[in-house]
Amino acid sequence: MSDYRIGTKCIQSGWSPKNGEPRALPIYQSTTFKYESSDEMGALFDLEKSGWFYSRLQNPTCDYVAAKIADMEGGVAGQLTSSGQAANFYAIFNICESGDHFITSADIYGGTYNLFNVTMRKLGIECTFLGNDATPEEIQAAFKPNTKCIFGETISNPTVKIYDFEKWAEIAHKNGVPLIIDNTFATPVNCRPFEWGADIVTHSTTKYLDGHALSVGGCIVDSGNFDWSKYPEKFPGLTTPDESYHGLIYTEKFGKGAYITKSVSQLMRDLGSMQAPQNAFLINAGIETLQLRMQRHVENARKCADFLKESGHLAWINFSELEDDPYHALQQKYMPGGTCGVMCFGLKGDRATAVKFMDSLKMISIETHVADSKSCVLHPASHTHRQLSDEQLKEAGIQPDLIRFSVGIEEAEDIIADLDQALKATFG
C-alpha cells in the first residue's frame, strides 16, 4: 500500500480480504484462538511464529487497524493500545527503565505532563521539561548520560504550538536517542513526522482518527529508522537477551520490527493495556473518512479564527494558520496543507469572562474532549490541567483565560452564529 496516496490508504490499507472474505474489516470478538497442536501454540509463545492466540497480546481486528495507521504514517509496524495515554506510556517505558532519563517538551497535554512528571518518576524514570522554543544549546545542556529519548507533540494540546521536528531530531540523533512524537492533532493526513526526522509516532485514536467520540484508544508506530543495535549500552532491553523469552534478543531476531515486537510481547503481556476489537472496528470506520473530515475541520477553523479575530473581543489567539501567528512559518514548513480544527484564545476580561462565554454557547458544547466531528470548548485551567500548580500551568503555557476551541464539521455559518451570540451575551 506504500505507493498509494494518503486518502486511498485511509480506506484501503490494513485489511485486504481474500477471495470470499468479508469486504469490511470483521470484529474478531474472541479472547482466544484455536490451534491443532501443542507445538504450534508453543511456537507462538516463544515468538518463533507469528499469529493470534490471546487477545491481550494480539487480535486480528486490532492488528489490521494498527497496520493501516502504520502505513498511513509510513512506518514499519504499529500497535494499538487502550488509550492515547497508554500509547505514550508504552512508547517511553519500552526503552526507559528505572534510573533512566528522557527529555520532553513542556508544551504537552496536561494528562501526559502528569504521567511524565508524577507517575513515571515513581517508577524511577526522570524527565526534563523544556519549552518548544528551547534553543539547540538549551536542549543539548539537558542531556545526561542516561537520557534515552526526546518526546514532543506535533501540535501542542492545548496551546497549539507547532513542533520544530528538524531542530529536535538533529539533536536527538546526535546524542544517539530517538525522537518520539505524538501526532494526534495533525494526523498523518496533514503531517507525517517520519519525513522530518521523528523515529516513533503515537496517537490518541480517540480524537480525529475515530472522529466521532465513540471509542477510546491509542496507537504506537515505529518508523524502523532508528538503529537500536548501534547503541547497545543505551537500549539493553532491545539489544541484550530477554530471559522471559529464553534469551531472545529483539534486534537480532526481528530487525526493524524489534521495538514494536518488544512492546507487544513484553509490555502488553505484563501490563495489558490492550484495545478492544470493537473499538478498533469503530476507529477503522472513522479513518475511512479522515481525509475528508480533516479538510472540513481546517476550512471551518480558518473561518472561525478570522471571525474571532475581527470580533474585537479577543485579547489574543493562537492558530498557526494566521499569518501573524508566531508559529506560522513552522506551519507553512511542516503542514502547508493545514493543521487541524483546534485553536485557543483568550477574551478581554478575566477567567470569569471565559466561563460566562462558554456557558452562553448553545450548539457548541463544553466537553472534556477535542478533535471530533462536533464543535466543543474547554477551559484547561479549570478542567484538563486543573491538577497543575500555577507555576506548572505557566511552564506548560496555560493561561487562566485560555479557551480551547475544537471546531467541528458542522456548517461554518452555524458555528460562527453560535460564537457571535455567545460573545454578545458576554459583552453586551
Protein backbone atom coordinates (compact mmCIF):
# COMPACT_ATOMS: atom_id res chain seq x y z
CA MET A 1 0.00 0.00 0.00
CA SER A 2 3.03 2.28 0.32
CA ASP A 3 2.57 3.69 -3.22
CA TYR A 4 -0.97 4.89 -2.63
CA ARG A 5 -1.82 8.45 -1.63
CA ILE A 6 -2.97 9.14 1.91
CA GLY A 7 -6.68 9.35 1.08
CA THR A 8 -6.55 5.91 -0.51
CA LYS A 9 -4.59 4.50 2.42
CA CYS A 10 -7.32 5.73 4.79
CA ILE A 11 -9.69 3.34 3.03
CA GLN A 12 -7.58 0.52 1.59
CA SER A 13 -4.68 -0.09 4.00
CA GLY A 14 -4.67 -2.74 6.71
CA TRP A 15 -7.42 -5.21 5.87
CA SER A 16 -7.04 -6.85 2.43
CA PRO A 17 -9.70 -9.56 2.16
CA LYS A 18 -9.03 -12.70 0.19
CA ASN A 19 -11.46 -14.41 -2.13
CA GLY A 20 -14.79 -14.88 -0.39
CA GLU A 21 -13.81 -12.98 2.77
CA PRO A 22 -15.84 -10.04 4.11
CA ARG A 23 -15.10 -6.71 2.41
CA ALA A 24 -15.49 -4.80 5.68
CA LEU A 25 -12.99 -5.49 8.45
CA PRO A 26 -14.65 -8.03 10.80
CA ILE A 27 -14.76 -7.70 14.56
CA TYR A 28 -12.86 -10.69 15.92
CA GLN A 29 -14.73 -10.74 19.21
CA SER A 30 -12.81 -13.58 20.79
CA THR A 31 -10.38 -13.75 23.67
CA THR A 32 -8.58 -16.79 22.31
CA PHE A 33 -7.81 -18.74 19.11
CA LYS A 34 -7.69 -22.48 18.40
CA TYR A 35 -4.66 -24.47 17.17
CA GLU A 36 -4.28 -28.07 16.10
CA SER A 37 -1.20 -28.95 18.12
CA SER A 38 0.64 -28.04 21.28
CA ASP A 39 3.81 -27.38 19.28
CA GLU A 40 2.06 -24.72 17.20
CA MET A 41 0.90 -22.94 20.33
CA GLY A 42 4.33 -23.24 21.92
CA ALA A 43 5.99 -21.67 18.89
CA LEU A 44 3.71 -18.64 19.25
CA PHE A 45 4.60 -18.24 22.91
CA ASP A 46 8.31 -18.49 22.04
CA LEU A 47 7.91 -15.82 19.32
CA GLU A 48 9.12 -18.35 16.77
CA LYS A 49 5.97 -17.90 14.69
CA SER A 50 3.54 -15.03 14.28
CA GLY A 51 -0.16 -15.45 14.86
CA TRP A 52 -3.02 -14.83 17.24
CA PHE A 53 -3.54 -16.84 20.37
CA TYR A 54 -4.81 -14.47 23.08
CA SER A 55 -6.32 -11.02 22.61
CA ARG A 56 -4.41 -9.39 25.44
CA LEU A 57 -1.38 -9.66 23.21
CA GLN A 58 -2.77 -9.51 19.70
CA ASN A 59 -6.14 -9.59 17.97
CA PRO A 60 -6.78 -9.64 14.22
CA THR A 61 -9.10 -6.62 14.19
CA CYS A 62 -6.65 -4.57 16.23
CA ASP A 63 -3.64 -5.70 14.22
CA TYR A 64 -5.21 -4.81 10.87
CA VAL A 65 -6.08 -1.33 12.13
CA ALA A 66 -2.57 -0.88 13.55
CA ALA A 67 -1.17 -1.89 10.17
CA LYS A 68 -3.39 0.71 8.48
CA ILE A 69 -2.19 3.52 10.74
CA ALA A 70 1.43 2.39 10.32
CA ASP A 71 1.05 2.50 6.55
CA MET A 72 -0.52 5.95 6.73
CA GLU A 73 2.40 7.21 8.82
CA GLY A 74 4.99 5.50 6.64
CA GLY A 75 6.17 3.19 9.42
CA VAL A 76 7.14 -0.48 9.51
CA ALA A 77 4.90 -1.65 12.36
CA GLY A 78 2.16 -0.45 14.68
CA GLN A 79 0.46 -1.41 17.92
CA LEU A 80 -2.94 -0.41 19.27
CA THR A 81 -3.38 0.38 22.96
CA SER A 82 -6.34 1.03 25.22
CA SER A 83 -5.84 4.82 25.17
CA GLY A 84 -3.54 7.57 23.99
CA GLN A 85 -2.13 7.77 27.50
CA ALA A 86 -1.23 4.07 27.34
CA ALA A 87 0.43 4.63 23.96
CA ASN A 88 2.62 7.43 25.31
CA PHE A 89 3.48 5.42 28.41
CA TYR A 90 4.43 2.32 26.41
CA ALA A 91 6.41 4.38 23.89
CA ILE A 92 8.64 5.72 26.68
CA PHE A 93 8.65 2.71 29.01
CA ASN A 94 9.66 0.40 26.15
CA ILE A 95 13.13 1.96 26.18
CA CYS A 96 13.35 3.62 29.61
CA GLU A 97 13.89 1.72 32.85
CA SER A 98 14.29 2.77 36.47
CA GLY A 99 17.30 5.05 36.67
CA ASP A 100 16.86 6.40 33.14
CA HIS A 101 16.04 9.92 31.95
CA PHE A 102 14.30 11.50 28.97
CA ILE A 103 13.65 15.00 27.67
CA THR A 104 10.17 16.22 26.83
CA SER A 105 8.53 19.36 25.59
CA ALA A 106 6.69 21.14 28.39
CA ASP A 107 4.04 22.14 25.84
CA ILE A 108 2.11 18.88 26.02
CA TYR A 109 -1.31 17.67 27.09
CA GLY A 110 -1.87 18.02 30.85
CA GLY A 111 -2.52 14.32 31.33
CA THR A 112 0.75 13.46 29.60
CA TYR A 113 2.57 16.09 31.68
CA ASN A 114 1.21 14.45 34.83
CA LEU A 115 2.14 10.96 33.56
CA PHE A 116 5.72 12.06 32.99
CA ASN A 117 6.12 14.33 36.00
CA VAL A 118 4.42 12.20 38.65
CA THR A 119 3.74 8.59 37.73
CA MET A 120 6.92 7.86 35.79
CA ARG A 121 9.03 9.47 38.49
CA LYS A 122 7.52 6.94 40.90
CA LEU A 123 8.91 4.26 38.58
CA GLY A 124 12.36 5.81 38.86
CA ILE A 125 12.31 7.45 35.41
CA GLU A 126 13.22 11.14 35.47
CA CYS A 127 12.40 13.72 32.82
CA THR A 128 13.42 17.26 31.97
CA PHE A 129 10.78 19.65 30.62
CA LEU A 130 11.80 22.22 28.01
CA GLY A 131 9.66 24.69 26.10
CA ASN A 132 9.01 24.09 22.42
CA ASP A 133 11.14 27.12 21.65
CA ALA A 134 14.20 25.92 23.56
CA THR A 135 17.43 26.66 21.74
CA PRO A 136 19.68 23.86 20.50
CA GLU A 137 22.14 24.82 23.24
CA GLU A 138 19.44 24.51 25.93
CA ILE A 139 18.33 21.14 24.58
CA GLN A 140 21.88 19.83 24.48
CA ALA A 141 22.50 21.04 28.03
CA ALA A 142 19.53 18.95 29.23
CA PHE A 143 21.14 15.70 28.09
CA LYS A 144 22.55 13.31 30.68
CA PRO A 145 24.49 10.06 30.27
CA ASN A 146 21.24 8.15 30.98
CA THR A 147 18.99 10.13 28.58
CA LYS A 148 17.10 7.69 26.34
CA CYS A 149 14.74 9.76 24.14
CA ILE A 150 13.06 13.08 23.36
CA PHE A 151 9.27 13.47 23.32
CA GLY A 152 7.04 16.15 21.82
CA GLU A 153 3.68 16.86 20.16
CA THR A 154 3.27 17.86 16.51
CA ILE A 155 0.67 20.43 17.56
CA SER A 156 0.65 21.01 21.30
CA ASN A 157 -2.51 20.44 23.30
CA PRO A 158 -3.99 22.92 24.20
CA THR A 159 -1.60 25.74 23.20
CA VAL A 160 -1.44 24.59 19.52
CA LYS A 161 2.25 25.41 19.14
CA ILE A 162 4.00 23.80 16.17
CA TYR A 163 6.92 21.49 16.95
CA ASP A 164 10.15 22.11 15.07
CA PHE A 165 10.90 18.49 14.15
CA GLU A 166 14.21 19.05 12.42
CA LYS A 167 15.69 21.03 15.32
CA TRP A 168 14.81 18.41 17.92
CA ALA A 169 15.55 15.40 15.69
CA GLU A 170 19.03 16.62 14.83
CA ILE A 171 19.96 16.95 18.50
CA ALA A 172 18.32 13.65 19.44
CA HIS A 173 20.21 11.74 16.77
CA LYS A 174 23.48 13.50 17.54
CA ASN A 175 23.12 12.08 21.04
CA GLY A 176 22.11 8.61 19.88
CA VAL A 177 18.48 8.66 21.03
CA PRO A 178 15.14 8.54 19.17
CA LEU A 179 12.59 11.32 18.78
CA ILE A 180 9.06 10.28 19.80
CA ILE A 181 6.19 12.42 18.52
CA ASP A 182 2.51 12.49 19.47
CA ASN A 183 0.84 13.21 16.11
CA THR A 184 -2.76 13.19 17.39
CA PHE A 185 -3.87 16.67 16.31
CA ALA A 186 -2.28 16.78 12.85
CA THR A 187 -2.97 13.13 11.94
CA PRO A 188 -0.97 11.54 9.11
CA VAL A 189 -3.28 13.34 6.68
CA ASN A 190 -1.73 16.72 7.49
CA CYS A 191 1.70 15.74 8.80
CA ARG A 192 3.93 12.66 8.75
CA PRO A 193 6.66 13.25 11.32
CA PHE A 194 8.85 10.43 10.00
CA GLU A 195 9.51 12.57 6.93
CA TRP A 196 11.03 15.21 9.21
CA GLY A 197 13.27 13.01 11.35
CA ALA A 198 10.96 11.54 14.01
CA ASP A 199 11.51 7.87 14.85
CA ILE A 200 8.35 6.82 16.70
CA VAL A 201 4.85 8.26 16.49
CA THR A 202 1.97 7.93 18.94
CA HIS A 203 -1.72 8.76 18.63
CA SER A 204 -4.74 9.13 20.78
CA THR A 205 -7.01 7.41 18.28
CA THR A 206 -9.86 8.71 20.44
CA LYS A 207 -9.55 12.03 18.61
CA TYR A 208 -9.55 12.65 14.85
CA LEU A 209 -8.82 9.06 13.79
CA ASP A 210 -12.08 7.93 15.39
CA GLY A 211 -13.64 11.29 14.65
CA HIS A 212 -17.00 10.71 16.31
CA ALA A 213 -16.22 10.43 20.04
CA LEU A 214 -17.25 6.76 20.06
CA SER A 215 -14.20 4.87 21.30
CA VAL A 216 -11.12 5.44 23.44
CA GLY A 217 -7.85 4.14 22.06
CA GLY A 218 -4.21 4.76 21.24
CA CYS A 219 -1.56 3.68 18.77
CA ILE A 220 2.24 3.48 18.52
CA VAL A 221 4.03 3.37 15.15
CA ASP A 222 7.72 2.69 14.63
CA SER A 223 9.45 4.16 11.58
CA GLY A 224 12.04 1.39 11.59
CA ASN A 225 14.72 4.05 11.01
CA PHE A 226 16.39 4.18 14.40
CA ASP A 227 19.30 1.74 14.71
CA TRP A 228 18.97 0.41 18.26
CA SER A 229 21.86 -2.01 17.81
CA LYS A 230 24.21 0.92 17.22
CA TYR A 231 23.74 1.90 20.88
CA PRO A 232 23.54 -1.41 22.78
CA GLU A 233 24.56 0.17 26.09
CA LYS A 234 21.69 2.66 25.87
CA PHE A 235 18.96 0.19 24.96
CA PRO A 236 19.71 -3.13 26.66
CA GLY A 237 16.03 -4.11 26.64
CA LEU A 238 16.23 -4.37 22.85
CA THR A 239 19.84 -5.43 22.35
CA THR A 240 20.52 -7.94 25.15
CA PRO A 241 18.87 -11.29 25.93
CA ASP A 242 15.31 -11.27 27.29
CA GLU A 243 15.27 -14.12 29.78
CA SER A 244 11.46 -14.21 29.75
CA TYR A 245 11.77 -15.45 26.14
CA HIS A 246 14.67 -17.89 26.55
CA GLY A 247 17.35 -15.27 25.94
CA LEU A 248 15.89 -13.87 22.71
CA ILE A 249 17.47 -10.59 21.51
CA TYR A 250 14.84 -8.43 19.81
CA THR A 251 17.12 -6.53 17.45
CA GLU A 252 18.75 -9.74 16.21
CA LYS A 253 15.51 -11.68 15.86
CA PHE A 254 13.16 -9.01 14.48
CA GLY A 255 15.34 -6.30 12.92
CA LYS A 256 13.24 -3.24 12.13
CA GLY A 257 10.31 -4.83 13.95
CA ALA A 258 12.21 -5.07 17.26
CA TYR A 259 10.69 -2.07 19.01
CA ILE A 260 7.01 -2.92 18.41
CA THR A 261 7.58 -6.64 18.97
CA LYS A 262 9.09 -5.94 22.38
CA SER A 263 6.27 -3.55 23.29
CA VAL A 264 3.63 -6.14 22.39
CA SER A 265 5.29 -9.28 23.71
CA GLN A 266 6.66 -7.76 26.90
CA LEU A 267 4.71 -4.64 27.92
CA MET A 268 1.30 -5.70 26.67
CA ARG A 269 1.88 -9.17 28.10
CA ASP A 270 2.62 -7.78 31.56
CA LEU A 271 0.56 -4.58 31.71
CA GLY A 272 -2.37 -5.47 29.47
CA SER A 273 -3.45 -2.06 28.14
CA MET A 274 -4.91 -3.64 25.01
CA GLN A 275 -7.52 -2.12 22.77
CA ALA A 276 -10.87 -3.87 22.44
CA PRO A 277 -11.62 -5.18 18.93
CA GLN A 278 -14.96 -3.33 18.95
CA ASN A 279 -13.11 -0.05 19.47
CA ALA A 280 -10.62 -0.88 16.73
CA PHE A 281 -13.52 -1.57 14.37
CA LEU A 282 -15.01 1.86 15.14
CA ILE A 283 -11.66 3.57 14.68
CA ASN A 284 -11.20 1.87 11.33
CA ALA A 285 -14.59 3.11 10.18
CA GLY A 286 -13.66 6.61 11.29
CA ILE A 287 -10.32 6.56 9.47
CA GLU A 288 -12.06 5.87 6.15
CA THR A 289 -13.39 9.45 6.15
CA LEU A 290 -10.38 11.02 7.88
CA GLN A 291 -9.04 12.91 4.89
CA LEU A 292 -12.44 14.37 4.06
CA ARG A 293 -13.10 15.36 7.66
CA MET A 294 -9.69 16.97 8.16
CA GLN A 295 -10.24 19.16 5.12
CA ARG A 296 -13.54 20.38 6.59
CA HIS A 297 -12.07 20.85 10.09
CA VAL A 298 -9.29 23.03 8.68
CA GLU A 299 -11.63 25.02 6.45
CA ASN A 300 -14.07 25.70 9.29
CA ALA A 301 -11.29 26.58 11.74
CA ARG A 302 -9.87 29.16 9.37
CA LYS A 303 -13.27 30.84 9.05
CA CYS A 304 -13.85 30.80 12.81
CA ALA A 305 -10.39 32.20 13.53
CA ASP A 306 -11.00 35.07 11.13
CA PHE A 307 -14.37 35.81 12.75
CA LEU A 308 -12.99 35.75 16.28
CA LYS A 309 -10.06 37.94 15.37
CA GLU A 310 -12.35 40.52 13.79
CA SER A 311 -14.87 40.45 16.66
CA GLY A 312 -12.96 42.96 18.75
CA HIS A 313 -13.37 40.85 21.90
CA LEU A 314 -10.16 38.82 21.76
CA ALA A 315 -7.19 39.50 24.00
CA TRP A 316 -5.16 37.00 21.99
CA ILE A 317 -5.49 33.95 19.73
CA ASN A 318 -3.19 31.03 18.90
CA PHE A 319 -3.83 29.49 15.48
CA SER A 320 -0.74 28.94 13.38
CA GLU A 321 -2.54 29.36 10.07
CA LEU A 322 -2.98 33.07 10.81
CA GLU A 323 -0.17 34.95 9.13
CA ASP A 324 0.75 36.90 12.25
CA ASP A 325 0.92 33.80 14.47
CA PRO A 326 4.46 33.19 15.80
CA TYR A 327 4.32 29.59 14.57
CA HIS A 328 3.05 30.40 11.07
CA ALA A 329 6.44 29.82 9.44
CA LEU A 330 6.73 26.35 11.02
CA GLN A 331 3.15 25.59 10.00
CA GLN A 332 3.93 26.50 6.41
CA LYS A 333 7.05 24.34 6.52
CA TYR A 334 5.62 21.20 8.12
CA MET A 335 1.87 21.41 7.41
CA PRO A 336 1.30 23.70 4.42
CA GLY A 337 -1.98 21.96 3.61
CA GLY A 338 -3.45 22.77 7.02
CA THR A 339 -3.08 21.83 10.66
CA CYS A 340 -6.32 20.77 12.35
CA GLY A 341 -9.53 22.21 13.76
CA VAL A 342 -8.16 23.17 17.18
CA MET A 343 -7.23 26.68 18.28
CA CYS A 344 -7.05 28.52 21.59
CA PHE A 345 -7.82 32.09 22.52
CA GLY A 346 -8.42 34.44 25.42
CA LEU A 347 -11.19 37.01 25.72
CA LYS A 348 -10.78 40.54 27.04
CA GLY A 349 -11.57 40.20 30.72
CA ASP A 350 -10.67 37.52 33.23
CA ARG A 351 -11.35 33.85 34.00
CA ALA A 352 -14.99 34.66 34.81
CA THR A 353 -15.38 36.19 31.34
CA ALA A 354 -14.23 32.94 29.75
CA VAL A 355 -16.67 30.93 31.87
CA LYS A 356 -19.60 33.25 31.01
CA PHE A 357 -18.81 32.98 27.31
CA MET A 358 -18.66 29.18 27.37
CA ASP A 359 -21.86 28.94 29.41
CA SER A 360 -23.59 31.13 26.82
CA LEU A 361 -22.84 28.80 23.91
CA LYS A 362 -25.81 26.80 22.63
CA MET A 363 -24.70 24.44 19.85
CA ILE A 364 -21.02 24.33 20.77
CA SER A 365 -20.73 22.16 23.86
CA ILE A 366 -18.42 22.17 26.88
CA GLU A 367 -16.62 18.82 26.79
CA THR A 368 -13.57 17.11 28.19
CA HIS A 369 -12.80 16.13 24.65
CA VAL A 370 -11.36 17.55 21.49
CA ALA A 371 -10.93 16.78 17.80
CA ASP A 372 -14.10 15.13 16.64
CA SER A 373 -16.99 15.98 14.33
CA LYS A 374 -18.83 18.17 16.87
CA SER A 375 -17.63 21.62 17.89
CA CYS A 376 -16.70 21.93 21.56
CA VAL A 377 -14.81 24.12 24.02
CA LEU A 378 -12.84 23.55 27.18
CA HIS A 379 -11.21 25.75 29.85
CA PRO A 380 -7.98 23.81 30.57
CA ALA A 381 -7.05 25.68 33.75
CA SER A 382 -10.35 24.54 35.27
CA HIS A 383 -10.59 21.16 33.58
CA THR A 384 -7.83 19.08 31.93
CA HIS A 385 -4.94 20.92 33.60
CA ARG A 386 -6.51 21.61 36.98
CA GLN A 387 -4.06 19.20 38.64
CA LEU A 388 -1.18 21.55 37.77
CA SER A 389 0.03 24.32 40.04
CA ASP A 390 0.10 27.93 38.82
CA GLU A 391 3.83 27.54 38.23
CA GLN A 392 3.31 24.35 36.23
CA LEU A 393 0.50 25.97 34.25
CA LYS A 394 2.84 28.78 33.32
CA GLU A 395 5.56 26.29 32.37
CA ALA A 396 3.08 24.46 30.16
CA GLY A 397 1.96 27.74 28.59
CA ILE A 398 -1.58 27.57 30.01
CA GLN A 399 -3.04 30.98 30.76
CA PRO A 400 -6.01 31.36 33.14
CA ASP A 401 -8.19 32.78 30.36
CA LEU A 402 -7.25 30.15 27.75
CA ILE A 403 -10.24 28.62 25.95
CA ARG A 404 -9.51 25.59 23.79
CA PHE A 405 -11.85 25.58 20.81
CA SER A 406 -12.22 22.43 18.72
CA VAL A 407 -14.01 23.35 15.52
CA GLY A 408 -16.21 20.57 14.17
CA ILE A 409 -17.54 19.79 10.72
CA GLU A 410 -20.94 21.45 11.06
CA GLU A 411 -21.75 24.28 8.65
CA ALA A 412 -19.26 27.06 9.36
CA GLU A 413 -22.00 29.69 9.32
CA ASP A 414 -23.84 27.93 12.16
CA ILE A 415 -20.69 27.62 14.26
CA ILE A 416 -19.93 31.31 13.77
CA ALA A 417 -23.53 32.26 14.62
CA ASP A 418 -23.22 30.46 17.95
CA LEU A 419 -19.91 32.19 18.69
CA ASP A 420 -21.47 35.51 17.81
CA GLN A 421 -24.49 35.19 20.09
CA ALA A 422 -22.30 33.98 22.98
CA LEU A 423 -19.99 36.98 22.58
CA LYS A 424 -22.99 39.31 22.58
CA ALA A 425 -24.35 37.61 25.72
CA THR A 426 -20.95 38.04 27.38
CA PHE A 427 -20.06 41.58 26.36
CA GLY A 428 -23.49 43.05 25.60
